[in-house]
Amino acid sequence: MSTISRKSALLATAGVSVAALSRMTPAAAQSVQPVRITPTLDGPNKVTGDIELSWPSGNRVDIRSQADKDGAIYLCRCGRSLNKPFCDGTHAKVGFRSREGDDTAHRE
């Protein structure tokens, strides 16, 4: 696989479209970080990387005020947050529990 093909595959994994890639400068394309979603123990999903969050209507969700110092956001997994789609810590108050591989990781 060529360097360009590998880079395109990585950017596609990061949620970057081919059209967006074609408009990027080489430096910008180099700095794109793949999105990673990590369920935390008994808590929210931690989302890192070049994140774009949108409502079903297509309107973008402003994540800047929700991001931590490293740029990660935390999405509610317990269903009880008053600040959905973001976590507000309610999982701790309601006793939400989840372990790796349990059924909470597989609900649709």
PDB file of N, CA and C in Angstrom:
ATOM      1  N   MET A   1       0.853  -1.173   0.000  1.00  0.00           N
ATOM      2  CA  MET A   1       0.000   0.000   0.000  1.00  0.00           C
ATOM      3  C   MET A   1       0.895   1.232   0.000  1.00  0.00           C
ATOM      4  N   SER A   2       0.557   2.199  -0.842  1.00  0.00           N
ATOM      5  CA  SER A   2       1.365   3.405  -0.926  1.00  0.00           C
ATOM      6  C   SER A   2       1.180   4.266   0.311  1.00  0.00           C
ATOM      7  N   THR A   3       2.085   5.215   0.516  1.00  0.00           N
ATOM      8  CA  THR A   3       1.989   6.136   1.647  1.00  0.00           C
ATOM      9  C   THR A   3       0.696   6.927   1.573  1.00  0.00           C
ATOM     10  N   ILE A   4       0.319   7.356   0.372  1.00  0.00           N
ATOM     11  CA  ILE A   4      -0.917   8.121   0.200  1.00  0.00           C
ATOM     12  C   ILE A   4      -2.121   7.255   0.537  1.00  0.00           C
ATOM     13  N   SER A   5      -2.139   6.001   0.101  1.00  0.00           N
ATOM     14  CA  SER A   5      -3.251   5.105   0.412  1.00  0.00           C
ATOM     15  C   SER A   5      -3.349   4.847   1.906  1.00  0.00           C
ATOM     16  N   ARG A   6      -2.223   4.636   2.574  1.00  0.00           N
ATOM     17  CA  ARG A   6      -2.235   4.428   4.028  1.00  0.00           C
ATOM     18  C   ARG A   6      -2.766   5.662   4.733  1.00  0.00           C
ATOM     19  N   LYS A   7      -2.309   6.842   4.296  1.00  0.00           N
ATOM     20  CA  LYS A   7      -2.760   8.084   4.910  1.00  0.00           C
ATOM     21  C   LYS A   7      -4.255   8.280   4.681  1.00  0.00           C
ATOM     22  N   SER A   8      -4.737   7.975   3.475  1.00  0.00           N
ATOM     23  CA  SER A   8      -6.163   8.090   3.177  1.00  0.00           C
ATOM     24  C   SER A   8      -6.973   7.131   4.033  1.00  0.00           C
ATOM     25  N   ALA A   9      -6.474   5.910   4.212  1.00  0.00           N
ATOM     26  CA  ALA A   9      -7.172   4.932   5.054  1.00  0.00           C
ATOM     27  C   ALA A   9      -7.222   5.399   6.495  1.00  0.00           C
ATOM     28  N   LEU A  10      -6.123   5.963   6.990  1.00  0.00           N
ATOM     29  CA  LEU A  10      -6.094   6.472   8.359  1.00  0.00           C
ATOM     30  C   LEU A  10      -7.072   7.617   8.521  1.00  0.00           C
ATOM     31  N   LEU A  11      -7.094   8.527   7.556  1.00  0.00           N
ATOM     32  CA  LEU A  11      -8.005   9.663   7.641  1.00  0.00           C
ATOM     33  C   LEU A  11      -9.452   9.214   7.538  1.00  0.00           C
ATOM     34  N   ALA A  12      -9.733   8.205   6.729  1.00  0.00           N
ATOM     35  CA  ALA A  12     -11.098   7.683   6.653  1.00  0.00           C
ATOM     36  C   ALA A  12     -11.505   7.100   7.993  1.00  0.00           C
ATOM     37  N   THR A  13     -10.572   6.420   8.665  1.00  0.00           N
ATOM     38  CA  THR A  13     -10.838   5.888   9.999  1.00  0.00           C
ATOM     39  C   THR A  13     -11.135   7.015  10.972  1.00  0.00           C
ATOM     40  N   ALA A  14     -10.497   8.159  10.760  1.00  0.00           N
ATOM     41  CA  ALA A  14     -10.703   9.321  11.621  1.00  0.00           C
ATOM     42  C   ALA A  14     -11.981  10.064  11.273  1.00  0.00           C
ATOM     43  N   GLY A  15     -12.714   9.598  10.262  1.00  0.00           N
ATOM     44  CA  GLY A  15     -13.958  10.236   9.889  1.00  0.00           C
ATOM     45  C   GLY A  15     -13.764  11.397   8.922  1.00  0.00           C
ATOM     46  N   VAL A  16     -12.633  11.446   8.260  1.00  0.00           N
ATOM     47  CA  VAL A  16     -12.350  12.508   7.308  1.00  0.00           C
ATOM     48  C   VAL A  16     -12.724  12.013   5.916  1.00  0.00           C
ATOM     49  N   SER A  17     -13.618  12.729   5.249  1.00  0.00           N
ATOM     50  CA  SER A  17     -14.056  12.311   3.922  1.00  0.00           C
ATOM     51  C   SER A  17     -12.986  12.593   2.881  1.00  0.00           C
ATOM     52  N   VAL A  18     -13.119  11.941   1.742  1.00  0.00           N
ATOM     53  CA  VAL A  18     -12.185  12.168   0.646  1.00  0.00           C
ATOM     54  C   VAL A  18     -12.269  13.622   0.197  1.00  0.00           C
ATOM     55  N   ALA A  19     -13.489  14.180   0.158  1.00  0.00           N
ATOM     56  CA  ALA A  19     -13.647  15.582  -0.239  1.00  0.00           C
ATOM     57  C   ALA A  19     -12.926  16.502   0.739  1.00  0.00           C
ATOM     58  N   ALA A  20     -13.070  16.239   2.037  1.00  0.00           N
ATOM     59  CA  ALA A  20     -12.387  17.063   3.041  1.00  0.00           C
ATOM     60  C   ALA A  20     -10.880  16.886   2.921  1.00  0.00           C
ATOM     61  N   LEU A  21     -10.444  15.668   2.672  1.00  0.00           N
ATOM     62  CA  LEU A  21      -9.016  15.400   2.511  1.00  0.00           C
ATOM     63  C   LEU A  21      -8.440  16.191   1.346  1.00  0.00           C
ATOM     64  N   SER A  22      -9.191  16.287   0.259  1.00  0.00           N
ATOM     65  CA  SER A  22      -8.691  17.000  -0.918  1.00  0.00           C
ATOM     66  C   SER A  22      -8.548  18.491  -0.665  1.00  0.00           C
ATOM     67  N   ARG A  23      -9.276  19.037   0.314  1.00  0.00           N
ATOM     68  CA  ARG A  23      -9.179  20.463   0.628  1.00  0.00           C
ATOM     69  C   ARG A  23      -8.128  20.767   1.688  1.00  0.00           C
ATOM     70  N   MET A  24      -7.568  19.731   2.312  1.00  0.00           N
ATOM     71  CA  MET A  24      -6.592  19.930   3.387  1.00  0.00           C
ATOM     72  C   MET A  24      -5.196  20.203   2.844  1.00  0.00           C
ATOM     73  N   THR A  25      -4.486  21.018   3.586  1.00  0.00           N
ATOM     74  CA  THR A  25      -3.075  21.183   3.272  1.00  0.00           C
ATOM     75  C   THR A  25      -2.358  19.922   3.735  1.00  0.00           C
ATOM     76  N   PRO A  26      -1.194  19.630   3.179  1.00  0.00           N
ATOM     77  CA  PRO A  26      -0.456  18.440   3.634  1.00  0.00           C
ATOM     78  C   PRO A  26      -0.196  18.455   5.148  1.00  0.00           C
ATOM     79  N   ALA A  27       0.096  19.633   5.697  1.00  0.00           N
ATOM     80  CA  ALA A  27       0.351  19.720   7.138  1.00  0.00           C
ATOM     81  C   ALA A  27      -0.901  19.381   7.937  1.00  0.00           C
ATOM     82  N   ALA A  28      -2.054  19.867   7.483  1.00  0.00           N
ATOM     83  CA  ALA A  28      -3.312  19.580   8.185  1.00  0.00           C
ATOM     84  C   ALA A  28      -3.632  18.096   8.110  1.00  0.00           C
ATOM     85  N   ALA A  29      -3.419  17.499   6.943  1.00  0.00           N
ATOM     86  CA  ALA A  29      -3.694  16.072   6.788  1.00  0.00           C
ATOM     87  C   ALA A  29      -2.804  15.242   7.705  1.00  0.00           C
ATOM     88  N   GLN A  30      -1.568  15.667   7.907  1.00  0.00           N
ATOM     89  CA  GLN A  30      -0.642  14.949   8.790  1.00  0.00           C
ATOM     90  C   GLN A  30      -1.093  14.990  10.240  1.00  0.00           C
ATOM     91  N   SER A  31      -1.801  16.072  10.636  1.00  0.00           N
ATOM     92  CA  SER A  31      -2.146  16.252  12.044  1.00  0.00           C
ATOM     93  C   SER A  31      -3.487  15.642  12.438  1.00  0.00           C
ATOM     94  N   VAL A  32      -4.241  15.067  11.499  1.00  0.00           N
ATOM     95  CA  VAL A  32      -5.540  14.469  11.813  1.00  0.00           C
ATOM     96  C   VAL A  32      -5.334  13.269  12.729  1.00  0.00           C
ATOM     97  N   GLN A  33      -6.094  13.240  13.814  1.00  0.00           N
ATOM     98  CA  GLN A  33      -6.006  12.148  14.785  1.00  0.00           C
ATOM     99  C   GLN A  33      -7.233  11.248  14.658  1.00  0.00           C
ATOM    100  N   PRO A  34      -7.045   9.932  14.568  1.00  0.00           N
ATOM    101  CA  PRO A  34      -8.192   9.022  14.491  1.00  0.00           C
ATOM    102  C   PRO A  34      -9.075   9.147  15.734  1.00  0.00           C
ATOM    103  N   VAL A  35     -10.372   8.963  15.536  1.00  0.00           N
ATOM    104  CA  VAL A  35     -11.306   8.998  16.654  1.00  0.00           C
ATOM    105  C   VAL A  35     -11.207   7.685  17.410  1.00  0.00           C
ATOM    106  N   ARG A  36     -11.149   7.771  18.725  1.00  0.00           N
ATOM    107  CA  ARG A  36     -11.134   6.578  19.575  1.00  0.00           C
ATOM    108  C   ARG A  36     -12.240   6.748  20.621  1.00  0.00           C
ATOM    109  N   ILE A  37     -13.056   5.721  20.784  1.00  0.00           N
ATOM    110  CA  ILE A  37     -14.127   5.715  21.788  1.00  0.00           C
ATOM    111  C   ILE A  37     -13.798   4.631  22.795  1.00  0.00           C
ATOM    112  N   THR A  38     -13.682   5.048  24.058  1.00  0.00           N
ATOM    113  CA  THR A  38     -13.319   4.113  25.116  1.00  0.00           C
ATOM    114  C   THR A  38     -14.358   4.166  26.232  1.00  0.00           C
ATOM    115  N   PRO A  39     -15.140   3.085  26.430  1.00  0.00           N
ATOM    116  CA  PRO A  39     -16.050   3.066  27.580  1.00  0.00           C
ATOM    117  C   PRO A  39     -15.219   3.076  28.867  1.00  0.00           C
ATOM    118  N   THR A  40     -15.539   3.988  29.770  1.00  0.00           N
ATOM    119  CA  THR A  40     -14.827   4.028  31.042  1.00  0.00           C
ATOM    120  C   THR A  40     -15.505   3.092  32.033  1.00  0.00           C
ATOM    121  N   LEU A  41     -14.770   2.660  33.026  1.00  0.00           N
ATOM    122  CA  LEU A  41     -15.311   1.757  34.038  1.00  0.00           C
ATOM    123  C   LEU A  41     -16.416   2.466  34.810  1.00  0.00           C
ATOM    124  N   ASP A  42     -17.624   1.922  34.765  1.00  0.00           N
ATOM    125  CA  ASP A  42     -18.780   2.467  35.481  1.00  0.00           C
ATOM    126  C   ASP A  42     -19.074   3.917  35.127  1.00  0.00           C
ATOM    127  N   GLY A  43     -18.738   4.325  33.893  1.00  0.00           N
ATOM    128  CA  GLY A  43     -18.952   5.716  33.528  1.00  0.00           C
ATOM    129  C   GLY A  43     -19.214   5.907  32.045  1.00  0.00           C
ATOM    130  N   PRO A  44     -18.922   7.109  31.568  1.00  0.00           N
ATOM    131  CA  PRO A  44     -19.254   7.485  30.192  1.00  0.00           C
ATOM    132  C   PRO A  44     -18.300   6.909  29.157  1.00  0.00           C
ATOM    133  N   ASN A  45     -18.622   7.171  27.898  1.00  0.00           N
ATOM    134  CA  ASN A  45     -17.714   6.874  26.805  1.00  0.00           C
ATOM    135  C   ASN A  45     -16.779   8.067  26.636  1.00  0.00           C
ATOM    136  N   LYS A  46     -15.476   7.814  26.689  1.00  0.00           N
ATOM    137  CA  LYS A  46     -14.478   8.850  26.449  1.00  0.00           C
ATOM    138  C   LYS A  46     -14.175   8.846  24.960  1.00  0.00           C
ATOM    139  N   VAL A  47     -14.284  10.023  24.315  1.00  0.00           N
ATOM    140  CA  VAL A  47     -14.073  10.132  22.881  1.00  0.00           C
ATOM    141  C   VAL A  47     -12.906  11.080  22.635  1.00  0.00           C
ATOM    142  N   THR A  48     -11.901  10.593  21.918  1.00  0.00           N
ATOM    143  CA  THR A  48     -10.724  11.388  21.607  1.00  0.00           C
ATOM    144  C   THR A  48     -10.496  11.397  20.096  1.00  0.00           C
ATOM    145  N   GLY A  49      -9.652  12.294  19.663  1.00  0.00           N
ATOM    146  CA  GLY A  49      -9.323  12.401  18.248  1.00  0.00           C
ATOM    147  C   GLY A  49     -10.005  13.597  17.633  1.00  0.00           C
ATOM    148  N   ASP A  50     -10.012  13.658  16.312  1.00  0.00           N
ATOM    149  CA  ASP A  50     -10.638  14.764  15.595  1.00  0.00           C
ATOM    150  C   ASP A  50     -12.135  14.499  15.514  1.00  0.00           C
ATOM    151  N   ILE A  51     -12.841  15.034  16.498  1.00  0.00           N
ATOM    152  CA  ILE A  51     -14.251  14.725  16.718  1.00  0.00           C
ATOM    153  C   ILE A  51     -15.139  15.784  16.085  1.00  0.00           C
ATOM    154  N   GLU A  52     -16.147  15.325  15.360  1.00  0.00           N
ATOM    155  CA  GLU A  52     -17.236  16.184  14.922  1.00  0.00           C
ATOM    156  C   GLU A  52     -18.507  15.488  15.346  1.00  0.00           C
ATOM    157  N   LEU A  53     -19.280  16.126  16.205  1.00  0.00           N
ATOM    158  CA  LEU A  53     -20.503  15.540  16.742  1.00  0.00           C
ATOM    159  C   LEU A  53     -21.687  16.297  16.157  1.00  0.00           C
ATOM    160  N   SER A  54     -22.648  15.563  15.602  1.00  0.00           N
ATOM    161  CA  SER A  54     -23.808  16.188  14.972  1.00  0.00           C
ATOM    162  C   SER A  54     -25.093  15.550  15.486  1.00  0.00           C
ATOM    163  N   TRP A  55     -26.153  16.359  15.539  1.00  0.00           N
ATOM    164  CA  TRP A  55     -27.492  15.867  15.844  1.00  0.00           C
ATOM    165  C   TRP A  55     -28.039  15.163  14.607  1.00  0.00           C
ATOM    166  N   PRO A  56     -29.091  14.344  14.749  1.00  0.00           N
ATOM    167  CA  PRO A  56     -29.656  13.679  13.569  1.00  0.00           C
ATOM    168  C   PRO A  56     -30.065  14.664  12.465  1.00  0.00           C
ATOM    169  N   SER A  57     -30.385  15.895  12.845  1.00  0.00           N
ATOM    170  CA  SER A  57     -30.764  16.914  11.862  1.00  0.00           C
ATOM    171  C   SER A  57     -29.584  17.368  11.016  1.00  0.00           C
ATOM    172  N   GLY A  58     -28.374  17.018  11.457  1.00  0.00           N
ATOM    173  CA  GLY A  58     -27.174  17.465  10.758  1.00  0.00           C
ATOM    174  C   GLY A  58     -26.516  18.665  11.415  1.00  0.00           C
ATOM    175  N   ASN A  59     -27.232  19.306  12.358  1.00  0.00           N
ATOM    176  CA  ASN A  59     -26.643  20.437  13.070  1.00  0.00           C
ATOM    177  C   ASN A  59     -25.509  19.957  13.955  1.00  0.00           C
ATOM    178  N   ARG A  60     -24.397  20.677  13.905  1.00  0.00           N
ATOM    179  CA  ARG A  60     -23.231  20.297  14.705  1.00  0.00           C
ATOM    180  C   ARG A  60     -23.440  20.654  16.168  1.00  0.00           C
ATOM    181  N   VAL A  61     -22.917  19.821  17.044  1.00  0.00           N
ATOM    182  CA  VAL A  61     -22.943  20.062  18.484  1.00  0.00           C
ATOM    183  C   VAL A  61     -21.627  20.732  18.844  1.00  0.00           C
ATOM    184  N   ASP A  62     -21.699  21.853  19.548  1.00  0.00           N
ATOM    185  CA  ASP A  62     -20.484  22.549  19.966  1.00  0.00           C
ATOM    186  C   ASP A  62     -19.869  21.768  21.122  1.00  0.00           C
ATOM    187  N   ILE A  63     -18.707  21.191  20.885  1.00  0.00           N
ATOM    188  CA  ILE A  63     -18.068  20.363  21.916  1.00  0.00           C
ATOM    189  C   ILE A  63     -16.989  21.108  22.682  1.00  0.00           C
ATOM    190  N   ARG A  64     -16.653  22.330  22.233  1.00  0.00           N
ATOM    191  CA  ARG A  64     -15.528  23.046  22.856  1.00  0.00           C
ATOM    192  C   ARG A  64     -15.697  23.235  24.358  1.00  0.00           C
ATOM    193  N   SER A  65     -16.892  23.576  24.798  1.00  0.00           N
ATOM    194  CA  SER A  65     -17.100  23.819  26.231  1.00  0.00           C
ATOM    195  C   SER A  65     -17.119  22.529  27.040  1.00  0.00           C
ATOM    196  N   GLN A  66     -17.270  21.389  26.370  1.00  0.00           N
ATOM    197  CA  GLN A  66     -17.345  20.102  27.059  1.00  0.00           C
ATOM    198  C   GLN A  66     -16.024  19.348  27.070  1.00  0.00           C
ATOM    199  N   ALA A  67     -15.082  19.779  26.245  1.00  0.00           N
ATOM    200  CA  ALA A  67     -13.816  19.052  26.115  1.00  0.00           C
ATOM    201  C   ALA A  67     -12.914  19.290  27.321  1.00  0.00           C
ATOM    202  N   ASP A  68     -12.181  18.246  27.720  1.00  0.00           N
ATOM    203  CA  ASP A  68     -11.220  18.406  28.812  1.00  0.00           C
ATOM    204  C   ASP A  68      -9.945  19.046  28.253  1.00  0.00           C
ATOM    205  N   LYS A  69      -8.942  19.209  29.097  1.00  0.00           N
ATOM    206  CA  LYS A  69      -7.717  19.917  28.692  1.00  0.00           C
ATOM    207  C   LYS A  69      -6.997  19.224  27.536  1.00  0.00           C
ATOM    208  N   ASP A  70      -7.242  17.927  27.350  1.00  0.00           N
ATOM    209  CA  ASP A  70      -6.611  17.185  26.256  1.00  0.00           C
ATOM    210  C   ASP A  70      -7.504  17.098  25.015  1.00  0.00           C
ATOM    211  N   GLY A  71      -8.695  17.700  25.077  1.00  0.00           N
ATOM    212  CA  GLY A  71      -9.606  17.688  23.940  1.00  0.00           C
ATOM    213  C   GLY A  71     -10.590  16.541  23.914  1.00  0.00           C
ATOM    214  N   ALA A  72     -10.567  15.679  24.924  1.00  0.00           N
ATOM    215  CA  ALA A  72     -11.503  14.549  24.982  1.00  0.00           C
ATOM    216  C   ALA A  72     -12.874  15.031  25.438  1.00  0.00           C
ATOM    217  N   ILE A  73     -13.914  14.358  24.944  1.00  0.00           N
ATOM    218  CA  ILE A  73     -15.257  14.594  25.455  1.00  0.00           C
ATOM    219  C   ILE A  73     -15.770  13.291  26.050  1.00  0.00           C
ATOM    220  N   TYR A  74     -16.766  13.413  26.912  1.00  0.00           N
ATOM    221  CA  TYR A  74     -17.329  12.249  27.597  1.00  0.00           C
ATOM    222  C   TYR A  74     -18.822  12.201  27.307  1.00  0.00           C
ATOM    223  N   LEU A  75     -19.256  11.118  26.662  1.00  0.00           N
ATOM    224  CA  LEU A  75     -20.654  10.965  26.278  1.00  0.00           C
ATOM    225  C   LEU A  75     -21.371  10.032  27.244  1.00  0.00           C
ATOM    226  N   CYS A  76     -22.582  10.449  27.633  1.00  0.00           N
ATOM    227  CA  CYS A  76     -23.388   9.698  28.593  1.00  0.00           C
ATOM    228  C   CYS A  76     -23.628   8.279  28.107  1.00  0.00           C
ATOM    229  N   ARG A  77     -23.473   7.342  29.017  1.00  0.00           N
ATOM    230  CA  ARG A  77     -23.738   5.937  28.724  1.00  0.00           C
ATOM    231  C   ARG A  77     -24.826   5.387  29.632  1.00  0.00           C
ATOM    232  N   CYS A  78     -25.107   6.087  30.732  1.00  0.00           N
ATOM    233  CA  CYS A  78     -26.116   5.580  31.672  1.00  0.00           C
ATOM    234  C   CYS A  78     -27.527   5.985  31.278  1.00  0.00           C
ATOM    235  N   GLY A  79     -27.646   7.010  30.430  1.00  0.00           N
ATOM    236  CA  GLY A  79     -28.956   7.472  29.982  1.00  0.00           C
ATOM    237  C   GLY A  79     -29.609   8.472  30.906  1.00  0.00           C
ATOM    238  N   ARG A  80     -28.966   8.882  31.974  1.00  0.00           N
ATOM    239  CA  ARG A  80     -29.587   9.756  32.968  1.00  0.00           C
ATOM    240  C   ARG A  80     -29.042  11.179  32.992  1.00  0.00           C
ATOM    241  N   SER A  81     -28.050  11.496  32.175  1.00  0.00           N
ATOM    242  CA  SER A  81     -27.463  12.839  32.171  1.00  0.00           C
ATOM    243  C   SER A  81     -28.524  13.883  31.843  1.00  0.00           C
ATOM    244  N   LEU A  82     -28.439  15.019  32.499  1.00  0.00           N
ATOM    245  CA  LEU A  82     -29.309  16.145  32.181  1.00  0.00           C
ATOM    246  C   LEU A  82     -28.656  17.040  31.127  1.00  0.00           C
ATOM    247  N   ASN A  83     -27.484  16.652  30.645  1.00  0.00           N
ATOM    248  CA  ASN A  83     -26.730  17.420  29.665  1.00  0.00           C
ATOM    249  C   ASN A  83     -26.410  16.560  28.445  1.00  0.00           C
ATOM    250  N   LYS A  84     -27.346  15.678  28.057  1.00  0.00           N
ATOM    251  CA  LYS A  84     -27.100  14.772  26.935  1.00  0.00           C
ATOM    252  C   LYS A  84     -26.782  15.569  25.675  1.00  0.00           C
ATOM    253  N   PRO A  85     -25.894  15.087  24.863  1.00  0.00           N
ATOM    254  CA  PRO A  85     -25.320  13.748  24.866  1.00  0.00           C
ATOM    255  C   PRO A  85     -24.114  13.613  25.800  1.00  0.00           C
ATOM    256  N   PHE A  86     -23.772  14.694  26.514  1.00  0.00           N
ATOM    257  CA  PHE A  86     -22.582  14.674  27.359  1.00  0.00           C
ATOM    258  C   PHE A  86     -22.875  14.109  28.742  1.00  0.00           C
ATOM    259  N   CYS A  87     -21.848  13.590  29.367  1.00  0.00           N
ATOM    260  CA  CYS A  87     -21.938  13.079  30.729  1.00  0.00           C
ATOM    261  C   CYS A  87     -21.948  14.250  31.705  1.00  0.00           C
ATOM    262  N   ASP A  88     -22.794  14.159  32.723  1.00  0.00           N
ATOM    263  CA  ASP A  88     -22.786  15.175  33.774  1.00  0.00           C
ATOM    264  C   ASP A  88     -22.477  14.582  35.149  1.00  0.00           C
ATOM    265  N   GLY A  89     -22.038  13.329  35.169  1.00  0.00           N
ATOM    266  CA  GLY A  89     -21.675  12.675  36.428  1.00  0.00           C
ATOM    267  C   GLY A  89     -22.814  11.945  37.107  1.00  0.00           C
ATOM    268  N   THR A  90     -24.013  11.985  36.520  1.00  0.00           N
ATOM    269  CA  THR A  90     -25.170  11.333  37.134  1.00  0.00           C
ATOM    270  C   THR A  90     -24.965   9.835  37.302  1.00  0.00           C
ATOM    271  N   HIS A  91     -24.147   9.218  36.456  1.00  0.00           N
ATOM    272  CA  HIS A  91     -23.921   7.773  36.566  1.00  0.00           C
ATOM    273  C   HIS A  91     -23.460   7.380  37.965  1.00  0.00           C
ATOM    274  N   ALA A  92     -22.673   8.226  38.604  1.00  0.00           N
ATOM    275  CA  ALA A  92     -22.189   7.922  39.958  1.00  0.00           C
ATOM    276  C   ALA A  92     -23.325   8.003  40.978  1.00  0.00           C
ATOM    277  N   LYS A  93     -24.246   8.947  40.785  1.00  0.00           N
ATOM    278  CA  LYS A  93     -25.371   9.123  41.719  1.00  0.00           C
ATOM    279  C   LYS A  93     -26.391   8.004  41.617  1.00  0.00           C
ATOM    280  N   VAL A  94     -26.564   7.456  40.397  1.00  0.00           N
ATOM    281  CA  VAL A  94     -27.582   6.417  40.202  1.00  0.00           C
ATOM    282  C   VAL A  94     -27.010   5.013  40.297  1.00  0.00           C
ATOM    283  N   GLY A  95     -25.717   4.911  40.531  1.00  0.00           N
ATOM    284  CA  GLY A  95     -25.104   3.603  40.700  1.00  0.00           C
ATOM    285  C   GLY A  95     -24.902   2.823  39.413  1.00  0.00           C
ATOM    286  N   PHE A  96     -24.721   3.526  38.300  1.00  0.00           N
ATOM    287  CA  PHE A  96     -24.474   2.850  37.024  1.00  0.00           C
ATOM    288  C   PHE A  96     -23.221   1.996  37.141  1.00  0.00           C
ATOM    289  N   ARG A  97     -23.318   0.765  36.709  1.00  0.00           N
ATOM    290  CA  ARG A  97     -22.182  -0.153  36.747  1.00  0.00           C
ATOM    291  C   ARG A  97     -22.005  -0.793  35.382  1.00  0.00           C
ATOM    292  N   SER A  98     -20.783  -0.904  34.967  1.00  0.00           N
ATOM    293  CA  SER A  98     -20.478  -1.563  33.700  1.00  0.00           C
ATOM    294  C   SER A  98     -19.051  -2.073  33.754  1.00  0.00           C
ATOM    295  N   ARG A  99     -18.885  -3.263  33.324  1.00  0.00           N
ATOM    296  CA  ARG A  99     -17.561  -3.879  33.252  1.00  0.00           C
ATOM    297  C   ARG A  99     -17.281  -4.256  31.811  1.00  0.00           C
ATOM    298  N   GLU A 100     -16.043  -4.382  31.470  1.00  0.00           N
ATOM    299  CA  GLU A 100     -15.670  -4.750  30.112  1.00  0.00           C
ATOM    300  C   GLU A 100     -16.359  -6.047  29.710  1.00  0.00           C
ATOM    301  N   GLY A 101     -17.057  -5.983  28.564  1.00  0.00           N
ATOM    302  CA  GLY A 101     -17.709  -7.182  28.033  1.00  0.00           C
ATOM    303  C   GLY A 101     -19.096  -7.447  28.578  1.00  0.00           C
ATOM    304  N   ASP A 102     -19.598  -6.638  29.525  1.00  0.00           N
ATOM    305  CA  ASP A 102     -20.939  -6.905  30.022  1.00  0.00           C
ATOM    306  C   ASP A 102     -21.990  -6.393  29.036  1.00  0.00           C
ATOM    307  N   ASP A 103     -23.269  -6.657  29.335  1.00  0.00           N
ATOM    308  CA  ASP A 103     -24.322  -6.340  28.368  1.00  0.00           C
ATOM    309  C   ASP A 103     -24.498  -4.845  28.127  1.00  0.00           C
ATOM    310  N   THR A 104     -24.025  -3.971  28.996  1.00  0.00           N
ATOM    311  CA  THR A 104     -24.174  -2.543  28.753  1.00  0.00           C
ATOM    312  C   THR A 104     -23.342  -2.104  27.564  1.00  0.00           C
ATOM    313  N   ALA A 105     -22.333  -2.866  27.216  1.00  0.00           N
ATOM    314  CA  ALA A 105     -21.492  -2.526  26.077  1.00  0.00           C
ATOM    315  C   ALA A 105     -22.121  -2.989  24.764  1.00  0.00           C
ATOM    316  N   HIS A 106     -23.229  -3.726  24.839  1.00  0.00           N
ATOM    317  CA  HIS A 106     -23.791  -4.326  23.630  1.00  0.00           C
ATOM    318  C   HIS A 106     -25.245  -3.953  23.382  1.00  0.00           C
ATOM    319  N   ARG A 107     -25.785  -3.004  24.134  1.00  0.00           N
ATOM    320  CA  ARG A 107     -27.173  -2.604  23.904  1.00  0.00           C
ATOM    321  C   ARG A 107     -27.288  -1.847  22.596  1.00  0.00           C
ATOM    322  N   GLU A 108     -28.455  -1.999  21.952  1.00  0.00           N
ATOM    323  CA  GLU A 108     -28.710  -1.259  20.707  1.00  0.00           C
ATOM    324  C   GLU A 108     -29.696  -0.162  20.976  1.00  0.00           C
TER     325      GLU A 108
END
